Amino acid sequence: MRRILTGTQTTAELLELDQFASTGQLYHHLRQLVSAGWLVSPRRGHYEVPAPQIVPLLVLTMIAAS
């Protein structure tokens, strides 16, 4: 989420981060985040945080970092 919020938007860019064991794992997480409303996919393979979710996501990120 943090990477997508700061500009990493495509699945290819996310896969380059080496934080996922497989592409299937990445797609599983992305589908879950889209289903929960934390992400939207305006076109295939591209993800972004919807505007109404930015502030709540930043708050949660700050809480998790402390």
N, C-alpha and C. Protein backbone atom coordinates (compact mmCIF):
# COMPACT_ATOMS: atom_id res chain seq x y z
N MET A 1 0.82 -1.18 0.00
CA MET A 1 0.00 0.00 0.00
C MET A 1 0.87 1.25 0.00
N ARG A 2 1.90 1.24 0.83
CA ARG A 2 2.77 2.41 0.90
C ARG A 2 3.41 2.70 -0.44
N ARG A 3 3.85 1.66 -1.14
CA ARG A 3 4.48 1.84 -2.45
C ARG A 3 3.49 2.39 -3.47
N ILE A 4 2.29 1.89 -3.46
CA ILE A 4 1.27 2.37 -4.41
C ILE A 4 0.91 3.80 -4.09
N LEU A 5 0.81 4.13 -2.82
CA LEU A 5 0.48 5.49 -2.41
C LEU A 5 1.55 6.48 -2.83
N THR A 6 2.81 6.03 -2.87
CA THR A 6 3.91 6.94 -3.22
C THR A 6 4.33 6.87 -4.68
N GLY A 7 3.54 6.17 -5.51
CA GLY A 7 3.80 6.25 -6.93
C GLY A 7 4.02 4.96 -7.67
N THR A 8 4.31 3.85 -6.98
CA THR A 8 4.46 2.57 -7.66
C THR A 8 3.06 2.09 -8.01
N GLN A 9 2.75 1.98 -9.30
CA GLN A 9 1.37 1.75 -9.68
C GLN A 9 1.12 0.49 -10.50
N THR A 10 2.13 -0.08 -11.08
CA THR A 10 1.87 -1.24 -11.93
C THR A 10 2.32 -2.53 -11.25
N THR A 11 1.74 -3.62 -11.68
CA THR A 11 2.13 -4.91 -11.10
C THR A 11 3.60 -5.20 -11.41
N ALA A 12 4.08 -4.79 -12.58
CA ALA A 12 5.48 -5.01 -12.93
C ALA A 12 6.40 -4.27 -11.96
N GLU A 13 6.05 -3.03 -11.61
CA GLU A 13 6.86 -2.26 -10.65
C GLU A 13 6.82 -2.91 -9.27
N LEU A 14 5.66 -3.40 -8.87
CA LEU A 14 5.54 -4.04 -7.57
C LEU A 14 6.34 -5.35 -7.52
N LEU A 15 6.35 -6.09 -8.61
CA LEU A 15 7.11 -7.34 -8.64
C LEU A 15 8.61 -7.10 -8.54
N GLU A 16 9.08 -5.95 -9.00
CA GLU A 16 10.51 -5.62 -8.92
C GLU A 16 10.97 -5.38 -7.49
N LEU A 17 10.05 -5.19 -6.57
CA LEU A 17 10.40 -4.89 -5.18
C LEU A 17 10.88 -6.12 -4.41
N ASP A 18 10.69 -7.31 -4.96
CA ASP A 18 11.13 -8.57 -4.34
C ASP A 18 10.52 -8.80 -2.96
N GLN A 19 9.33 -8.29 -2.72
CA GLN A 19 8.67 -8.52 -1.43
C GLN A 19 7.65 -9.65 -1.51
N PHE A 20 7.46 -10.20 -2.69
CA PHE A 20 6.47 -11.25 -2.87
C PHE A 20 7.15 -12.51 -3.37
N ALA A 21 6.70 -13.63 -2.83
CA ALA A 21 7.30 -14.91 -3.21
C ALA A 21 6.95 -15.29 -4.64
N SER A 22 5.77 -14.83 -5.12
CA SER A 22 5.36 -15.18 -6.48
C SER A 22 4.40 -14.12 -7.01
N THR A 23 4.19 -14.17 -8.31
CA THR A 23 3.22 -13.25 -8.91
C THR A 23 1.82 -13.57 -8.40
N GLY A 24 1.54 -14.85 -8.16
CA GLY A 24 0.25 -15.24 -7.63
C GLY A 24 -0.03 -14.62 -6.27
N GLN A 25 0.99 -14.55 -5.43
CA GLN A 25 0.85 -13.94 -4.12
C GLN A 25 0.54 -12.45 -4.26
N LEU A 26 1.24 -11.78 -5.16
CA LEU A 26 0.99 -10.35 -5.38
C LEU A 26 -0.44 -10.13 -5.86
N TYR A 27 -0.87 -10.88 -6.86
CA TYR A 27 -2.23 -10.71 -7.39
C TYR A 27 -3.29 -11.03 -6.34
N HIS A 28 -3.02 -12.00 -5.49
CA HIS A 28 -3.95 -12.33 -4.42
C HIS A 28 -4.13 -11.12 -3.50
N HIS A 29 -3.02 -10.50 -3.09
CA HIS A 29 -3.10 -9.34 -2.20
C HIS A 29 -3.78 -8.16 -2.89
N LEU A 30 -3.47 -7.94 -4.15
CA LEU A 30 -4.09 -6.82 -4.87
C LEU A 30 -5.60 -7.01 -4.99
N ARG A 31 -6.02 -8.24 -5.30
CA ARG A 31 -7.47 -8.51 -5.40
C ARG A 31 -8.17 -8.25 -4.07
N GLN A 32 -7.54 -8.67 -2.98
CA GLN A 32 -8.12 -8.45 -1.66
C GLN A 32 -8.23 -6.96 -1.35
N LEU A 33 -7.21 -6.19 -1.69
CA LEU A 33 -7.23 -4.74 -1.43
C LEU A 33 -8.26 -4.03 -2.30
N VAL A 34 -8.44 -4.47 -3.53
CA VAL A 34 -9.46 -3.89 -4.40
C VAL A 34 -10.85 -4.24 -3.85
N SER A 35 -11.04 -5.47 -3.44
CA SER A 35 -12.33 -5.90 -2.88
C SER A 35 -12.69 -5.10 -1.62
N ALA A 36 -11.69 -4.77 -0.81
CA ALA A 36 -11.93 -4.03 0.43
C ALA A 36 -12.09 -2.53 0.19
N GLY A 37 -11.82 -2.07 -1.04
CA GLY A 37 -11.97 -0.66 -1.34
C GLY A 37 -10.75 0.19 -1.09
N TRP A 38 -9.63 -0.44 -0.72
CA TRP A 38 -8.41 0.32 -0.47
C TRP A 38 -7.68 0.68 -1.76
N LEU A 39 -7.92 -0.08 -2.83
CA LEU A 39 -7.31 0.18 -4.13
C LEU A 39 -8.37 0.14 -5.20
N VAL A 40 -8.09 0.82 -6.30
CA VAL A 40 -8.89 0.70 -7.52
C VAL A 40 -7.94 0.38 -8.66
N SER A 41 -8.48 -0.23 -9.68
CA SER A 41 -7.68 -0.57 -10.85
C SER A 41 -8.31 0.10 -12.07
N PRO A 42 -7.85 1.32 -12.38
CA PRO A 42 -8.45 2.05 -13.50
C PRO A 42 -8.24 1.37 -14.86
N ARG A 43 -7.18 0.59 -14.97
CA ARG A 43 -6.94 -0.21 -16.17
C ARG A 43 -6.09 -1.41 -15.77
N ARG A 44 -6.11 -2.40 -16.60
CA ARG A 44 -5.46 -3.68 -16.29
C ARG A 44 -4.00 -3.49 -15.89
N GLY A 45 -3.64 -4.04 -14.74
CA GLY A 45 -2.26 -4.00 -14.28
C GLY A 45 -1.84 -2.72 -13.60
N HIS A 46 -2.74 -1.78 -13.44
CA HIS A 46 -2.45 -0.50 -12.79
C HIS A 46 -3.35 -0.33 -11.57
N TYR A 47 -2.74 0.13 -10.50
CA TYR A 47 -3.48 0.27 -9.25
C TYR A 47 -3.21 1.63 -8.63
N GLU A 48 -4.22 2.15 -7.94
CA GLU A 48 -4.05 3.41 -7.23
C GLU A 48 -4.99 3.43 -6.03
N VAL A 49 -4.65 4.31 -5.09
CA VAL A 49 -5.49 4.49 -3.91
C VAL A 49 -6.56 5.51 -4.26
N PRO A 50 -7.84 5.18 -4.07
CA PRO A 50 -8.89 6.15 -4.37
C PRO A 50 -8.78 7.36 -3.43
N ALA A 51 -9.10 8.53 -3.93
CA ALA A 51 -8.95 9.78 -3.18
C ALA A 51 -9.56 9.72 -1.78
N PRO A 52 -10.78 9.20 -1.60
CA PRO A 52 -11.36 9.18 -0.25
C PRO A 52 -10.61 8.28 0.74
N GLN A 53 -9.75 7.41 0.25
CA GLN A 53 -9.03 6.48 1.12
C GLN A 53 -7.64 6.98 1.50
N ILE A 54 -7.17 8.08 0.90
CA ILE A 54 -5.80 8.53 1.13
C ILE A 54 -5.57 8.90 2.59
N VAL A 55 -6.41 9.75 3.16
CA VAL A 55 -6.21 10.17 4.55
C VAL A 55 -6.32 8.99 5.52
N PRO A 56 -7.35 8.15 5.43
CA PRO A 56 -7.38 7.00 6.34
C PRO A 56 -6.15 6.09 6.19
N LEU A 57 -5.67 5.93 4.98
CA LEU A 57 -4.49 5.09 4.75
C LEU A 57 -3.25 5.73 5.38
N LEU A 58 -3.10 7.04 5.25
CA LEU A 58 -1.96 7.72 5.87
C LEU A 58 -2.02 7.59 7.39
N VAL A 59 -3.19 7.71 7.97
CA VAL A 59 -3.33 7.56 9.42
C VAL A 59 -2.92 6.15 9.85
N LEU A 60 -3.42 5.14 9.14
CA LEU A 60 -3.06 3.77 9.47
C LEU A 60 -1.58 3.50 9.30
N THR A 61 -0.97 4.09 8.28
CA THR A 61 0.47 3.94 8.04
C THR A 61 1.26 4.55 9.17
N MET A 62 0.84 5.73 9.63
CA MET A 62 1.54 6.39 10.74
C MET A 62 1.41 5.58 12.02
N ILE A 63 0.23 5.02 12.27
CA ILE A 63 0.02 4.21 13.46
C ILE A 63 0.90 2.96 13.41
N ALA A 64 0.95 2.33 12.26
CA ALA A 64 1.75 1.11 12.11
C ALA A 64 3.25 1.38 12.25
N ALA A 65 3.69 2.58 11.86
CA ALA A 65 5.10 2.92 11.92
C ALA A 65 5.56 3.27 13.34
N SER A 66 4.61 3.59 14.20
CA SER A 66 5.02 4.00 15.57
C SER A 66 5.14 2.85 16.52
